[in-house]
Protein backbone atom coordinates (compact mmCIF):
# COMPACT_ATOMS: atom_id res chain seq x y z
CA MET A 1 -10.84 1.77 -2.58
CA ILE A 2 -7.74 2.50 -0.84
CA LEU A 3 -4.75 0.28 -1.15
CA LYS A 4 -4.25 -1.23 2.39
CA LYS A 5 -1.50 -3.60 2.13
CA LEU A 6 0.72 -4.95 -0.55
CA GLU A 7 2.94 -7.76 0.34
CA ILE A 8 5.38 -9.78 -2.13
CA GLU A 9 7.43 -12.42 -0.69
CA LEU A 10 10.19 -14.81 -2.28
CA GLN A 11 9.36 -18.11 -1.52
CA GLU A 12 12.38 -19.60 0.17
CA TRP A 13 11.51 -23.43 0.48
CA GLY A 14 8.92 -25.84 -0.70
CA GLU A 15 7.47 -26.61 -4.05
CA ASN A 16 7.43 -22.87 -5.13
CA LYS A 17 11.13 -21.99 -4.09
CA GLY A 18 12.29 -19.24 -5.82
CA GLN A 19 9.10 -17.78 -7.13
CA TYR A 20 7.27 -14.78 -5.75
CA LYS A 21 3.93 -14.88 -3.78
CA GLY A 22 1.90 -11.92 -3.01
CA GLU A 23 -1.33 -10.64 -1.74
CA ILE A 24 -3.04 -7.10 -1.90
CA SER A 25 -5.67 -5.60 0.03
CA PHE A 26 -8.20 -2.72 -0.69
CA VAL A 27 -10.40 -0.96 1.82
CA SER A 28 -13.59 0.97 1.52
CA ALA A 29 -16.56 2.03 3.24
CA ASN A 30 -18.26 -1.17 2.19
CA GLY A 31 -15.70 -3.64 3.52
CA GLN A 32 -12.15 -5.06 2.58
CA VAL A 33 -11.08 -6.84 -0.52
CA THR A 34 -7.83 -9.20 -0.45
CA THR A 35 -6.90 -11.26 -3.33
CA PHE A 36 -3.67 -13.22 -4.08
CA LEU A 37 -1.09 -12.07 -6.96
CA ASN A 38 0.37 -14.79 -8.83
CA ALA A 39 3.82 -14.81 -10.19
CA GLN A 40 3.16 -13.09 -13.41
CA GLN A 41 1.35 -9.94 -11.81
CA ILE A 42 4.20 -9.66 -9.51
CA GLN A 43 6.73 -9.45 -12.28
CA LYS A 44 4.82 -6.56 -13.88
CA LEU A 45 5.01 -4.77 -10.40
CA LEU A 46 8.64 -5.47 -9.59
CA PRO A 47 10.01 -2.88 -12.30
CA VAL A 48 7.64 0.05 -10.70
CA VAL A 49 9.05 -0.85 -7.19
CA ALA A 50 12.47 -1.24 -8.38
CA ASP A 51 12.91 2.61 -9.07
CA ALA A 52 11.73 3.57 -5.54
CA VAL A 53 14.26 0.83 -4.04
CA VAL A 54 17.21 2.19 -6.03
CA ALA A 55 16.33 5.83 -5.05
CA SER A 56 16.14 5.02 -1.24
CA ALA A 57 19.55 3.00 -1.36
CA LYS A 58 20.98 5.87 -3.04
CA GLU A 59 19.52 8.13 -0.08
CA VAL A 60 20.81 5.71 2.62
CA ALA A 61 24.28 5.59 0.87
CA ASN A 62 24.63 9.12 0.99
CA ILE A 63 23.58 9.57 4.48
CA LEU A 64 26.21 7.09 5.71
CA THR A 65 28.86 8.64 3.49
CA SER A 66 28.34 11.77 4.96
CA GLN A 67 28.19 10.34 8.57
CA VAL A 68 31.61 8.57 7.96
CA LEU A 69 33.12 11.85 6.43
CA ASP A 70 32.10 13.65 9.73
CA GLN A 71 33.44 11.07 11.89
CA LYS A 72 36.87 11.38 9.81
CA LYS A 73 36.85 14.93 10.61
CA ILE A 74 36.47 14.43 14.21
CA LEU A 75 39.10 12.08 14.58
CA LYS A 76 41.54 14.44 12.69
CA VAL A 77 40.68 17.20 15.15
CA LEU A 78 41.28 14.72 18.07
CA GLU A 79 44.40 13.41 16.71
CA SER A 80 45.80 17.12 16.25
CA LYS A 81 45.11 17.83 19.75
CA GLU A 82 47.25 14.91 21.10
């Protein structure tokens, strides 16, 4: 079976407000299986995902910082020509 979809969502209203709700789907040659994840199962998954989120955030921050520094260099060049 191959993981097709993993969805985790924080409930923002209703009786389950503040709790996570999730769904996971697997697919194979024989068909698809989808099941719902409860809050306890999701709490076990979040630490695994957290490392990836932190790594992605650092990468985005580095890219944005680099772009800001590049723009700053361009502005200095333009200012010196005036």
